[in-house]
Amino acid sequence: MKLHVMKSLWGVPPPTPPETHFTKVSKYKSLGYTGFEVISFGYNDSDFMSAVGEVGGMSIIPQLHTSGGYISPQTNDYVYIGSLEVEDHVESLNKELAHLVDVQKEHPKTPIVAVNVHGGVDIWMDDPQKVKRWMENYASSVKAFKKQWETEFKAEIEVFTETHRQRVPYTPVGFKSSVLTNATEDVVFNADLSHWCVVSECCWDVSSSSSSSSFDVRGTWFKGVMDALKT
């Protein structure tokens, strides 16, 4: 197993002269990073992608924001989620996954080693049918993408869906019943549990146990989720 130590460029401004993409990438490599996690502005920046390839020994994890990932022409703000419709998110996911194949062809010296998806919308978790439609379509899209990637590049690639606020699953509440029950082996979770801390109304106590006289029910859901993820 190879450990990739990735530098997230979320919130990191582009280089300003005399700094260049090449010098910036070289600096992070000297600090021990083996690659970068970047949103659409990163993997669509040809100069940046070329610089990563020129420095060498580094890779990319694109972070996809379904139904988002662009600047609004009306407000000039970044759009994280542009639609609440399941079909729009499925279409967006398929479009961006297909685009990544083209990006890799354009930059063969800059390997894409995985994809991190911020997918769906949090309010769907109140609607089991929407969660089911999203998870089924997500799994199907990921399976097809991974097969195409292996055919095109003779390499495997993993796709994760992140536990991120505003997305599915944004909270541990209902995660096991509404998300895991509709997940297949093609659904791999990137557990950014810090977001779960932010949105949870209760605090967990991992030291709690049912045999303890001071049993605290706040610890039960966390152990249940962890046990579910292990299976």
C-alpha atoms as a PDB file:
ATOM      1  CA  MET A   1       0.000   0.000   0.000  1.00  0.00           C
ATOM      2  CA  LYS A   2       1.272   3.470  -0.923  1.00  0.00           C
ATOM      3  CA  LEU A   3       0.461   6.403   1.320  1.00  0.00           C
ATOM      4  CA  HIS A   4      -0.318   9.628  -0.540  1.00  0.00           C
ATOM      5  CA  VAL A   5       0.213  12.799   1.495  1.00  0.00           C
ATOM      6  CA  MET A   6      -1.903  15.317  -0.386  1.00  0.00           C
ATOM      7  CA  LYS A   7      -1.932  19.096  -0.045  1.00  0.00           C
ATOM      8  CA  SER A   8      -5.427  20.537  -0.336  1.00  0.00           C
ATOM      9  CA  LEU A   9      -5.402  23.725  -2.386  1.00  0.00           C
ATOM     10  CA  TRP A  10      -8.869  24.734  -1.189  1.00  0.00           C
ATOM     11  CA  GLY A  11      -8.559  28.382  -0.193  1.00  0.00           C
ATOM     12  CA  VAL A  12      -4.940  28.620  -1.340  1.00  0.00           C
ATOM     13  CA  PRO A  13      -4.535  31.560  -3.760  1.00  0.00           C
ATOM     14  CA  PRO A  14      -2.853  31.072  -7.139  1.00  0.00           C
ATOM     15  CA  PRO A  15       0.819  32.041  -7.407  1.00  0.00           C
ATOM     16  CA  THR A  16       1.694  35.687  -7.898  1.00  0.00           C
ATOM     17  CA  PRO A  17       4.912  36.792  -9.660  1.00  0.00           C
ATOM     18  CA  PRO A  18       7.709  36.063  -9.230  1.00  0.00           C
ATOM     19  CA  GLU A  19       6.246  32.778  -7.928  1.00  0.00           C
ATOM     20  CA  THR A  20       5.031  30.361 -10.608  1.00  0.00           C
ATOM     21  CA  HIS A  21       3.064  27.151 -10.591  1.00  0.00           C
ATOM     22  CA  PHE A  22       6.350  25.278 -10.984  1.00  0.00           C
ATOM     23  CA  THR A  23       8.021  26.946  -7.983  1.00  0.00           C
ATOM     24  CA  LYS A  24       4.883  26.542  -5.866  1.00  0.00           C
ATOM     25  CA  VAL A  25       4.514  22.849  -6.699  1.00  0.00           C
ATOM     26  CA  SER A  26       8.251  22.339  -6.079  1.00  0.00           C
ATOM     27  CA  LYS A  27       7.927  23.994  -2.658  1.00  0.00           C
ATOM     28  CA  TYR A  28       5.161  21.625  -1.557  1.00  0.00           C
ATOM     29  CA  LYS A  29       7.101  18.638  -2.830  1.00  0.00           C
ATOM     30  CA  SER A  30      10.104  19.720  -0.755  1.00  0.00           C
ATOM     31  CA  LEU A  31       7.809  19.784   2.291  1.00  0.00           C
ATOM     32  CA  GLY A  32       6.986  16.105   1.797  1.00  0.00           C
ATOM     33  CA  TYR A  33       3.698  16.270  -0.068  1.00  0.00           C
ATOM     34  CA  THR A  34       3.165  13.714  -2.819  1.00  0.00           C
ATOM     35  CA  GLY A  35       0.306  15.487  -4.551  1.00  0.00           C
ATOM     36  CA  PHE A  36      -2.663  17.832  -4.402  1.00  0.00           C
ATOM     37  CA  GLU A  37      -6.412  17.702  -3.886  1.00  0.00           C
ATOM     38  CA  VAL A  38      -7.945  20.326  -6.155  1.00  0.00           C
ATOM     39  CA  ILE A  39     -11.399  21.503  -7.165  1.00  0.00           C
ATOM     40  CA  SER A  40     -12.344  22.240 -10.781  1.00  0.00           C
ATOM     41  CA  PHE A  41     -10.235  25.390 -11.025  1.00  0.00           C
ATOM     42  CA  GLY A  42      -7.164  23.288 -10.260  1.00  0.00           C
ATOM     43  CA  TYR A  43      -7.585  20.331 -12.576  1.00  0.00           C
ATOM     44  CA  ASN A  44      -8.861  22.625 -15.339  1.00  0.00           C
ATOM     45  CA  ASP A  45      -5.782  24.857 -15.052  1.00  0.00           C
ATOM     46  CA  SER A  46      -3.475  23.552 -17.782  1.00  0.00           C
ATOM     47  CA  ASP A  47      -0.460  25.476 -16.457  1.00  0.00           C
ATOM     48  CA  PHE A  48      -0.888  24.009 -12.970  1.00  0.00           C
ATOM     49  CA  MET A  49      -1.419  20.458 -14.227  1.00  0.00           C
ATOM     50  CA  SER A  50       1.620  20.757 -16.493  1.00  0.00           C
ATOM     51  CA  ALA A  51       3.732  22.057 -13.604  1.00  0.00           C
ATOM     52  CA  VAL A  52       2.800  19.055 -11.446  1.00  0.00           C
ATOM     53  CA  GLY A  53       3.920  16.779 -14.268  1.00  0.00           C
ATOM     54  CA  GLU A  54       7.157  18.715 -14.806  1.00  0.00           C
ATOM     55  CA  VAL A  55       8.123  18.578 -11.136  1.00  0.00           C
ATOM     56  CA  GLY A  56       7.443  14.842 -11.212  1.00  0.00           C
ATOM     57  CA  GLY A  57       6.663  12.302  -8.530  1.00  0.00           C
ATOM     58  CA  MET A  58       3.375  14.003  -7.622  1.00  0.00           C
ATOM     59  CA  SER A  59      -0.271  13.189  -8.291  1.00  0.00           C
ATOM     60  CA  ILE A  60      -3.745  14.707  -8.250  1.00  0.00           C
ATOM     61  CA  ILE A  61      -7.030  13.986  -6.474  1.00  0.00           C
ATOM     62  CA  PRO A  62      -9.821  16.005  -8.117  1.00  0.00           C
ATOM     63  CA  GLN A  63     -12.586  17.131  -5.776  1.00  0.00           C
ATOM     64  CA  LEU A  64     -15.907  17.129  -7.636  1.00  0.00           C
ATOM     65  CA  HIS A  65     -18.856  19.233  -6.506  1.00  0.00           C
ATOM     66  CA  THR A  66     -21.964  17.801  -8.170  1.00  0.00           C
ATOM     67  CA  SER A  67     -24.231  20.499  -9.598  1.00  0.00           C
ATOM     68  CA  GLY A  68     -21.561  23.050  -8.688  1.00  0.00           C
ATOM     69  CA  GLY A  69     -17.923  23.869  -9.242  1.00  0.00           C
ATOM     70  CA  TYR A  70     -18.292  27.058 -11.246  1.00  0.00           C
ATOM     71  CA  ILE A  71     -18.550  30.835 -10.888  1.00  0.00           C
ATOM     72  CA  SER A  72     -22.048  32.317 -11.120  1.00  0.00           C
ATOM     73  CA  PRO A  73     -22.252  34.864 -13.953  1.00  0.00           C
ATOM     74  CA  GLN A  74     -24.918  36.722 -11.952  1.00  0.00           C
ATOM     75  CA  THR A  75     -23.120  37.061  -8.612  1.00  0.00           C
ATOM     76  CA  ASN A  76     -19.508  36.234  -9.519  1.00  0.00           C
ATOM     77  CA  ASP A  77     -19.495  33.878  -6.509  1.00  0.00           C
ATOM     78  CA  TYR A  78     -18.463  30.242  -6.413  1.00  0.00           C
ATOM     79  CA  VAL A  79     -21.439  27.899  -6.789  1.00  0.00           C
ATOM     80  CA  TYR A  80     -21.133  24.885  -4.500  1.00  0.00           C
ATOM     81  CA  ILE A  81     -24.635  23.508  -5.153  1.00  0.00           C
ATOM     82  CA  GLY A  82     -26.639  24.814  -8.084  1.00  0.00           C
ATOM     83  CA  SER A  83     -29.653  22.497  -7.998  1.00  0.00           C
ATOM     84  CA  LEU A  84     -31.725  20.456  -5.569  1.00  0.00           C
ATOM     85  CA  GLU A  85     -32.828  17.902  -8.190  1.00  0.00           C
ATOM     86  CA  VAL A  86     -31.421  14.366  -8.127  1.00  0.00           C
ATOM     87  CA  GLU A  87     -31.285  14.180 -11.921  1.00  0.00           C
ATOM     88  CA  ASP A  88     -29.163  17.334 -12.134  1.00  0.00           C
ATOM     89  CA  HIS A  89     -26.633  15.914  -9.704  1.00  0.00           C
ATOM     90  CA  VAL A  90     -26.444  12.607 -11.559  1.00  0.00           C
ATOM     91  CA  GLU A  91     -25.940  14.440 -14.850  1.00  0.00           C
ATOM     92  CA  SER A  92     -23.273  16.662 -13.287  1.00  0.00           C
ATOM     93  CA  LEU A  93     -21.441  13.673 -11.799  1.00  0.00           C
ATOM     94  CA  ASN A  94     -21.370  11.827 -15.116  1.00  0.00           C
ATOM     95  CA  LYS A  95     -20.220  14.923 -16.983  1.00  0.00           C
ATOM     96  CA  GLU A  96     -17.346  15.632 -14.596  1.00  0.00           C
ATOM     97  CA  LEU A  97     -16.184  12.006 -14.419  1.00  0.00           C
ATOM     98  CA  ALA A  98     -16.087  11.887 -18.227  1.00  0.00           C
ATOM     99  CA  HIS A  99     -14.200  15.184 -18.241  1.00  0.00           C
ATOM    100  CA  LEU A 100     -11.535  13.740 -15.935  1.00  0.00           C
ATOM    101  CA  VAL A 101     -10.755  11.100 -18.553  1.00  0.00           C
ATOM    102  CA  ASP A 102     -10.031  13.915 -21.011  1.00  0.00           C
ATOM    103  CA  VAL A 103      -7.938  15.772 -18.419  1.00  0.00           C
ATOM    104  CA  GLN A 104      -5.804  12.689 -17.813  1.00  0.00           C
ATOM    105  CA  LYS A 105      -5.291  12.217 -21.557  1.00  0.00           C
ATOM    106  CA  GLU A 106      -4.193  15.842 -21.846  1.00  0.00           C
ATOM    107  CA  HIS A 107      -1.767  15.543 -18.915  1.00  0.00           C
ATOM    108  CA  PRO A 108      -0.372  11.984 -18.946  1.00  0.00           C
ATOM    109  CA  LYS A 109       2.599  12.979 -16.742  1.00  0.00           C
ATOM    110  CA  THR A 110       0.258  14.155 -13.974  1.00  0.00           C
ATOM    111  CA  PRO A 111      -1.437  11.018 -12.639  1.00  0.00           C
ATOM    112  CA  ILE A 112      -4.933  11.261 -11.206  1.00  0.00           C
ATOM    113  CA  VAL A 113      -4.921   8.639  -8.446  1.00  0.00           C
ATOM    114  CA  ALA A 114      -8.410   9.046  -6.949  1.00  0.00           C
ATOM    115  CA  VAL A 115     -11.535  11.207  -7.087  1.00  0.00           C
ATOM    116  CA  ASN A 116     -13.240  12.791  -4.073  1.00  0.00           C
ATOM    117  CA  VAL A 117     -16.919  13.565  -4.627  1.00  0.00           C
ATOM    118  CA  HIS A 118     -19.047  16.049  -2.716  1.00  0.00           C
ATOM    119  CA  GLY A 119     -22.365  14.699  -3.947  1.00  0.00           C
ATOM    120  CA  GLY A 120     -26.076  15.136  -3.484  1.00  0.00           C
ATOM    121  CA  VAL A 121     -27.912  17.513  -1.155  1.00  0.00           C
ATOM    122  CA  ASP A 122     -28.390  17.238   2.603  1.00  0.00           C
ATOM    123  CA  ILE A 123     -32.178  17.706   2.543  1.00  0.00           C
ATOM    124  CA  TRP A 124     -32.567  14.470   0.562  1.00  0.00           C
ATOM    125  CA  MET A 125     -31.838  12.552   3.754  1.00  0.00           C
ATOM    126  CA  ASP A 126     -35.389  13.398   4.821  1.00  0.00           C
ATOM    127  CA  ASP A 127     -36.656  11.664   1.682  1.00  0.00           C
ATOM    128  CA  PRO A 128     -35.649   7.964   1.503  1.00  0.00           C
ATOM    129  CA  GLN A 129     -36.671   7.689  -2.160  1.00  0.00           C
ATOM    130  CA  LYS A 130     -34.383  10.547  -3.201  1.00  0.00           C
ATOM    131  CA  VAL A 131     -31.501   9.041  -1.253  1.00  0.00           C
ATOM    132  CA  LYS A 132     -32.178   5.685  -2.893  1.00  0.00           C
ATOM    133  CA  ARG A 133     -32.239   7.204  -6.414  1.00  0.00           C
ATOM    134  CA  TRP A 134     -29.067   9.155  -5.769  1.00  0.00           C
ATOM    135  CA  MET A 135     -27.125   6.248  -4.254  1.00  0.00           C
ATOM    136  CA  GLU A 136     -28.167   3.833  -7.014  1.00  0.00           C
ATOM    137  CA  ASN A 137     -27.217   6.260  -9.786  1.00  0.00           C
ATOM    138  CA  TYR A 138     -24.018   7.259  -7.994  1.00  0.00           C
ATOM    139  CA  ALA A 139     -22.906   3.636  -7.646  1.00  0.00           C
ATOM    140  CA  SER A 140     -23.717   2.896 -11.282  1.00  0.00           C
ATOM    141  CA  SER A 141     -21.815   5.972 -12.503  1.00  0.00           C
ATOM    142  CA  VAL A 142     -18.768   5.212 -10.383  1.00  0.00           C
ATOM    143  CA  LYS A 143     -18.664   1.590 -11.505  1.00  0.00           C
ATOM    144  CA  ALA A 144     -18.793   2.586 -15.178  1.00  0.00           C
ATOM    145  CA  PHE A 145     -16.167   5.296 -14.680  1.00  0.00           C
ATOM    146  CA  LYS A 146     -13.726   2.964 -12.932  1.00  0.00           C
ATOM    147  CA  LYS A 147     -14.111   0.396 -15.702  1.00  0.00           C
ATOM    148  CA  GLN A 148     -13.526   3.026 -18.390  1.00  0.00           C
ATOM    149  CA  TRP A 149     -10.487   4.371 -16.527  1.00  0.00           C
ATOM    150  CA  GLU A 150      -8.924   0.944 -16.272  1.00  0.00           C
ATOM    151  CA  THR A 151      -9.536   0.361 -19.990  1.00  0.00           C
ATOM    152  CA  GLU A 152      -8.150   3.750 -21.049  1.00  0.00           C
ATOM    153  CA  PHE A 153      -5.125   3.979 -18.764  1.00  0.00           C
ATOM    154  CA  LYS A 154      -4.464   0.395 -17.634  1.00  0.00           C
ATOM    155  CA  ALA A 155      -4.654   1.606 -14.045  1.00  0.00           C
ATOM    156  CA  GLU A 156      -7.126   1.382 -11.202  1.00  0.00           C
ATOM    157  CA  ILE A 157      -8.702   4.442  -9.633  1.00  0.00           C
ATOM    158  CA  GLU A 158     -10.823   4.859  -6.510  1.00  0.00           C
ATOM    159  CA  VAL A 159     -13.763   7.218  -6.113  1.00  0.00           C
ATOM    160  CA  PHE A 160     -14.817   8.436  -2.678  1.00  0.00           C
ATOM    161  CA  THR A 161     -17.938  10.258  -1.526  1.00  0.00           C
ATOM    162  CA  GLU A 162     -17.188  12.618   1.332  1.00  0.00           C
ATOM    163  CA  THR A 163     -19.222  13.064   4.511  1.00  0.00           C
ATOM    164  CA  HIS A 164     -19.469  16.803   3.993  1.00  0.00           C
ATOM    165  CA  ARG A 165     -21.924  19.433   5.216  1.00  0.00           C
ATOM    166  CA  GLN A 166     -24.706  20.268   2.736  1.00  0.00           C
ATOM    167  CA  ARG A 167     -24.166  16.885   1.058  1.00  0.00           C
ATOM    168  CA  VAL A 168     -25.192  13.241   1.399  1.00  0.00           C
ATOM    169  CA  PRO A 169     -24.395  12.104   4.030  1.00  0.00           C
ATOM    170  CA  TYR A 170     -24.035  15.386   5.917  1.00  0.00           C
ATOM    171  CA  THR A 171     -24.868  13.946   9.345  1.00  0.00           C
ATOM    172  CA  PRO A 172     -24.695  10.621  11.189  1.00  0.00           C
ATOM    173  CA  VAL A 173     -28.442  10.878  11.791  1.00  0.00           C
ATOM    174  CA  GLY A 174     -30.016   8.511   9.313  1.00  0.00           C
ATOM    175  CA  PHE A 175     -26.654   7.552   7.819  1.00  0.00           C
ATOM    176  CA  LYS A 176     -27.017   3.849   8.516  1.00  0.00           C
ATOM    177  CA  SER A 177     -30.713   3.597   7.634  1.00  0.00           C
ATOM    178  CA  SER A 178     -30.891   5.885   4.593  1.00  0.00           C
ATOM    179  CA  VAL A 179     -27.396   5.799   3.091  1.00  0.00           C
ATOM    180  CA  LEU A 180     -25.647   2.551   3.967  1.00  0.00           C
ATOM    181  CA  THR A 181     -28.730   0.500   3.144  1.00  0.00           C
ATOM    182  CA  ASN A 182     -28.561   1.837  -0.423  1.00  0.00           C
ATOM    183  CA  ALA A 183     -24.782   1.599  -0.778  1.00  0.00           C
ATOM    184  CA  THR A 184     -23.023  -1.079  -2.827  1.00  0.00           C
ATOM    185  CA  GLU A 185     -19.394  -2.186  -2.986  1.00  0.00           C
ATOM    186  CA  ASP A 186     -18.802   0.627  -5.487  1.00  0.00           C
ATOM    187  CA  VAL A 187     -19.578   3.258  -2.823  1.00  0.00           C
ATOM    188  CA  VAL A 188     -16.535   4.167  -0.741  1.00  0.00           C
ATOM    189  CA  PHE A 189     -16.811   6.855   1.925  1.00  0.00           C
ATOM    190  CA  ASN A 190     -14.249   9.517   2.704  1.00  0.00           C
ATOM    191  CA  ALA A 191     -14.953  10.038   6.378  1.00  0.00           C
ATOM    192  CA  ASP A 192     -14.496  13.725   7.089  1.00  0.00           C
ATOM    193  CA  LEU A 193     -16.045  13.300  10.509  1.00  0.00           C
ATOM    194  CA  SER A 194     -15.201  16.875  11.512  1.00  0.00           C
ATOM    195  CA  HIS A 195     -18.237  17.931   9.501  1.00  0.00           C
ATOM    196  CA  TRP A 196     -20.377  15.518  11.463  1.00  0.00           C
ATOM    197  CA  CYS A 197     -19.195  17.220  14.663  1.00  0.00           C
ATOM    198  CA  VAL A 198     -20.308  20.575  13.275  1.00  0.00           C
ATOM    199  CA  VAL A 199     -23.844  19.529  12.347  1.00  0.00           C
ATOM    200  CA  SER A 200     -24.640  17.068  15.154  1.00  0.00           C
ATOM    201  CA  GLU A 201     -26.908  18.390  17.848  1.00  0.00           C
ATOM    202  CA  CYS A 202     -25.525  15.929  20.373  1.00  0.00           C
ATOM    203  CA  CYS A 203     -22.005  15.133  21.498  1.00  0.00           C
ATOM    204  CA  TRP A 204     -20.687  11.606  21.493  1.00  0.00           C
ATOM    205  CA  ASP A 205     -18.977   9.885  24.353  1.00  0.00           C
ATOM    206  CA  VAL A 206     -16.921   7.024  22.927  1.00  0.00           C
ATOM    207  CA  SER A 207     -16.121   5.757  26.424  1.00  0.00           C
ATOM    208  CA  SER A 208     -19.773   4.957  27.099  1.00  0.00           C
ATOM    209  CA  SER A 209     -20.853   1.339  27.256  1.00  0.00           C
ATOM    210  CA  SER A 210     -24.145  -0.353  28.022  1.00  0.00           C
ATOM    211  CA  SER A 211     -22.552  -2.194  30.933  1.00  0.00           C
ATOM    212  CA  SER A 212     -21.563   1.032  32.645  1.00  0.00           C
ATOM    213  CA  SER A 213     -23.696   2.409  35.433  1.00  0.00           C
ATOM    214  CA  SER A 214     -23.039   5.872  33.998  1.00  0.00           C
ATOM    215  CA  PHE A 215     -24.162   4.826  30.515  1.00  0.00           C
ATOM    216  CA  ASP A 216     -24.547   7.810  28.222  1.00  0.00           C
ATOM    217  CA  VAL A 217     -26.789   7.212  25.212  1.00  0.00           C
ATOM    218  CA  ARG A 218     -24.865   9.887  23.329  1.00  0.00           C
ATOM    219  CA  GLY A 219     -22.198   7.301  22.544  1.00  0.00           C
ATOM    220  CA  THR A 220     -24.428   4.692  20.950  1.00  0.00           C
ATOM    221  CA  TRP A 221     -24.867   6.156  17.473  1.00  0.00           C
ATOM    222  CA  PHE A 222     -21.131   6.690  16.977  1.00  0.00           C
ATOM    223  CA  LYS A 223     -20.271   3.065  17.756  1.00  0.00           C
ATOM    224  CA  GLY A 224     -23.157   1.908  15.555  1.00  0.00           C
ATOM    225  CA  VAL A 225     -21.899   3.903  12.598  1.00  0.00           C
ATOM    226  CA  MET A 226     -18.320   2.711  13.067  1.00  0.00           C
ATOM    227  CA  ASP A 227     -19.471  -0.912  13.315  1.00  0.00           C
ATOM    228  CA  ALA A 228     -21.540  -0.469  10.152  1.00  0.00           C
ATOM    229  CA  LEU A 229     -18.564   0.960   8.250  1.00  0.00           C
ATOM    230  CA  LYS A 230     -16.454  -2.052   9.232  1.00  0.00           C
ATOM    231  CA  THR A 231     -18.889  -4.530   7.662  1.00  0.00           C
END
